[in-house]
Amino acid sequence: MPRLAASLVAVVILALPVVARAQVSSDPPIEFGADASVTALFDPGAVVLNVPVSAVRVGFFVMPRLELEPRLNLTVAKGGGNTFTEVELTFGVLYHLTPSYSQSQTYFRPFASFASTKFSGSDGASAVAAGIGLGMKKPIGTRFAFRPELNFAHTFADDDVEDESRMQLLLGFSVYSH
């Protein structure tokens, strides 16, 4: 009997990826996008506006309601002979409340990010942050979508980085591969 139970468990575990794959349409689209942002930092208090694009992203549907989304942000600011450079890589998982991307979709997006910053004449610093977002994809025709999102993130203190919390409004545009 234990052998039969173990065999059944093995069959179920091996079948899960097949079942999950079958739930995704035979050829799910890839979502390409870019976002403008307004960021409110709590400490120190500041508002940062990044337009027309603060980040680029690509989304891969692994299930009709689940999308994996890496995002890249590059910021370079120059002034007074100094340069500030920040590269941030964010990985998010979107959970859509409705499975069809051809209809309006509300989603939750937990995410984690890694940022590397460098000031003129310094060694630079790196930081890790985590957050959660709530957004909506509003279709425009069959291959495009408007994508507003409100999110909260917290950067964790390290040797060269202080704790920081922020709220951010993203206003994005997406293009589906098909």
Protein backbone atom coordinates (compact mmCIF):
# COMPACT_ATOMS: atom_id res chain seq x y z
CA MET A 1 0.00 0.00 0.00
CA PRO A 2 2.75 2.58 0.80
CA ARG A 3 4.26 1.78 -2.59
CA LEU A 4 0.97 2.53 -4.34
CA ALA A 5 0.60 5.83 -2.44
CA ALA A 6 4.17 6.84 -3.32
CA SER A 7 3.52 5.99 -6.97
CA LEU A 8 0.35 8.09 -7.01
CA VAL A 9 2.17 11.04 -5.42
CA ALA A 10 4.95 10.72 -8.00
CA VAL A 11 2.44 10.67 -10.88
CA VAL A 12 0.65 13.76 -9.51
CA ILE A 13 3.94 15.66 -9.04
CA LEU A 14 5.10 14.76 -12.54
CA ALA A 15 1.71 15.70 -14.03
CA LEU A 16 1.50 19.17 -12.41
CA PRO A 17 3.71 20.91 -14.99
CA VAL A 18 1.71 19.32 -17.80
CA VAL A 19 -1.58 20.47 -16.25
CA ALA A 20 -0.20 23.98 -15.67
CA ARG A 21 1.08 24.13 -19.26
CA ALA A 22 -2.30 22.96 -20.56
CA GLN A 23 -4.00 25.87 -18.75
CA VAL A 24 -1.97 28.39 -20.74
CA SER A 25 -3.15 28.97 -24.28
CA SER A 26 -1.12 27.06 -26.82
CA ASP A 27 0.88 30.18 -27.59
CA PRO A 28 0.61 32.81 -24.82
CA PRO A 29 1.76 36.30 -25.78
CA ILE A 30 4.81 38.05 -24.42
CA GLU A 31 4.10 41.49 -22.95
CA PHE A 32 6.61 44.26 -23.67
CA GLY A 33 6.21 47.56 -21.88
CA ALA A 34 7.58 50.81 -20.54
CA ASP A 35 6.47 52.96 -17.62
CA ALA A 36 6.70 56.59 -16.57
CA SER A 37 6.76 57.08 -12.80
CA VAL A 38 6.08 59.49 -9.98
CA THR A 39 7.83 58.38 -6.78
CA ALA A 40 7.25 59.81 -3.31
CA LEU A 41 10.08 59.09 -0.86
CA PHE A 42 9.14 59.25 2.82
CA ASP A 43 12.54 59.82 4.45
CA PRO A 44 14.07 62.00 3.16
CA GLY A 45 10.91 63.59 1.79
CA ALA A 46 11.17 64.02 -1.96
CA VAL A 47 9.19 63.49 -5.13
CA VAL A 48 10.90 62.10 -8.23
CA LEU A 49 9.30 62.31 -11.69
CA ASN A 50 10.64 60.06 -14.46
CA VAL A 51 9.15 60.70 -17.90
CA PRO A 52 8.74 59.53 -20.60
CA VAL A 53 10.23 56.20 -19.44
CA SER A 54 11.54 55.17 -16.02
CA ALA A 55 11.71 51.41 -16.69
CA VAL A 56 11.31 48.84 -19.43
CA ARG A 57 9.79 45.43 -18.78
CA VAL A 58 8.89 42.14 -20.38
CA GLY A 59 6.22 39.74 -19.11
CA PHE A 60 5.99 35.99 -19.63
CA PHE A 61 2.66 34.27 -18.96
CA VAL A 62 3.21 30.91 -17.23
CA MET A 63 -0.50 30.43 -16.50
CA PRO A 64 -3.51 32.49 -17.64
CA ARG A 65 -3.53 34.41 -14.33
CA LEU A 66 0.22 34.30 -13.57
CA GLU A 67 2.91 36.36 -15.29
CA LEU A 68 6.64 36.61 -14.52
CA GLU A 69 8.05 40.07 -15.18
CA PRO A 70 11.64 41.28 -15.06
CA ARG A 71 12.06 45.06 -15.26
CA LEU A 72 15.13 47.27 -15.83
CA ASN A 73 15.59 50.88 -14.76
CA LEU A 74 18.61 53.03 -15.64
CA THR A 75 18.94 56.53 -14.17
CA VAL A 76 21.81 58.89 -14.97
CA ALA A 77 21.85 62.44 -13.59
CA LYS A 78 24.59 65.02 -14.16
CA GLY A 79 25.02 68.41 -12.56
CA GLY A 80 27.68 70.59 -11.01
CA GLY A 81 30.42 68.37 -12.40
CA ASN A 82 29.03 65.28 -10.62
CA THR A 83 27.33 62.21 -12.02
CA PHE A 84 24.85 59.90 -10.33
CA THR A 85 24.14 56.51 -11.93
CA GLU A 86 21.66 53.89 -10.75
CA VAL A 87 20.87 50.54 -12.34
CA GLU A 88 17.93 48.66 -10.86
CA LEU A 89 16.75 45.16 -11.77
CA THR A 90 13.31 44.17 -10.47
CA PHE A 91 11.61 40.81 -10.64
CA GLY A 92 7.84 40.76 -10.18
CA VAL A 93 5.09 38.18 -10.32
CA LEU A 94 1.74 39.44 -11.53
CA TYR A 95 -1.39 37.66 -10.34
CA HIS A 96 -4.34 38.69 -12.53
CA LEU A 97 -7.85 38.53 -11.08
CA THR A 98 -9.23 37.70 -14.55
CA PRO A 99 -7.50 35.28 -16.92
CA SER A 100 -8.12 37.03 -20.26
CA TYR A 101 -5.67 39.72 -21.36
CA SER A 102 -8.24 40.86 -23.97
CA GLN A 103 -10.37 42.25 -21.08
CA SER A 104 -9.50 44.73 -18.34
CA GLN A 105 -7.36 42.93 -15.76
CA THR A 106 -6.76 44.00 -12.18
CA TYR A 107 -3.56 42.50 -10.80
CA PHE A 108 -1.38 42.25 -7.71
CA ARG A 109 2.39 42.44 -8.23
CA PRO A 110 4.73 41.42 -5.42
CA PHE A 111 8.30 42.25 -6.39
CA ALA A 112 11.91 42.34 -5.27
CA SER A 113 14.65 44.53 -6.67
CA PHE A 114 18.39 44.96 -6.60
CA ALA A 115 19.88 48.40 -7.26
CA SER A 116 23.47 49.50 -7.76
CA THR A 117 24.29 53.20 -7.43
CA LYS A 118 27.45 55.19 -8.03
CA PHE A 119 28.24 58.84 -7.32
CA SER A 120 31.17 60.66 -8.88
CA GLY A 121 34.32 59.81 -6.95
CA SER A 122 32.72 57.16 -4.70
CA ASP A 123 32.88 53.38 -4.57
CA GLY A 124 29.12 53.08 -5.04
CA ALA A 125 26.54 51.10 -3.10
CA SER A 126 23.96 48.40 -3.65
CA ALA A 127 20.52 47.94 -2.12
CA VAL A 128 17.76 45.36 -1.95
CA ALA A 129 14.08 46.29 -1.83
CA ALA A 130 10.75 44.45 -1.71
CA GLY A 131 7.25 45.67 -2.39
CA ILE A 132 3.72 45.10 -3.59
CA GLY A 133 1.73 46.80 -6.33
CA LEU A 134 -1.90 46.97 -7.38
CA GLY A 135 -2.63 47.80 -10.98
CA MET A 136 -4.86 47.38 -13.98
CA LYS A 137 -4.30 46.52 -17.62
CA LYS A 138 -6.82 48.32 -19.81
CA PRO A 139 -6.81 46.91 -23.38
CA ILE A 140 -6.51 49.24 -26.34
CA GLY A 141 -7.49 47.08 -29.30
CA THR A 142 -6.11 43.54 -29.37
CA ARG A 143 -2.36 44.08 -28.93
CA PHE A 144 -1.96 47.13 -26.70
CA ALA A 145 -2.83 48.06 -23.12
CA PHE A 146 -2.66 51.08 -20.82
CA ARG A 147 -1.26 50.03 -17.44
CA PRO A 148 -1.51 52.22 -14.32
CA GLU A 149 -0.15 50.83 -11.04
CA LEU A 150 0.24 52.09 -7.49
CA ASN A 151 2.92 50.35 -5.43
CA PHE A 152 4.73 50.51 -2.12
CA ALA A 153 8.35 49.39 -1.66
CA HIS A 154 10.85 49.32 1.17
CA THR A 155 14.62 49.40 0.71
CA PHE A 156 16.50 47.54 3.44
CA ALA A 157 19.46 49.11 5.24
CA ASP A 158 22.98 47.93 4.50
CA ASP A 159 26.46 49.31 5.16
CA ASP A 160 26.13 52.18 2.66
CA VAL A 161 22.33 52.34 2.36
CA GLU A 162 19.69 53.54 4.83
CA ASP A 163 16.15 52.16 5.22
CA GLU A 164 13.79 53.90 2.84
CA SER A 165 10.10 53.52 2.04
CA ARG A 166 8.40 54.89 -1.04
CA MET A 167 5.06 55.03 -2.85
CA GLN A 168 5.11 55.02 -6.61
CA LEU A 169 2.59 55.63 -9.37
CA LEU A 170 3.47 53.93 -12.65
CA LEU A 171 1.76 54.90 -15.89
CA GLY A 172 2.68 52.34 -18.49
CA PHE A 173 2.00 51.15 -21.98
CA SER A 174 2.18 47.50 -23.05
CA VAL A 175 2.45 45.77 -26.41
CA TYR A 176 1.58 42.07 -26.73
CA SER A 177 3.59 39.90 -29.13
CA HIS A 178 0.35 38.65 -30.76
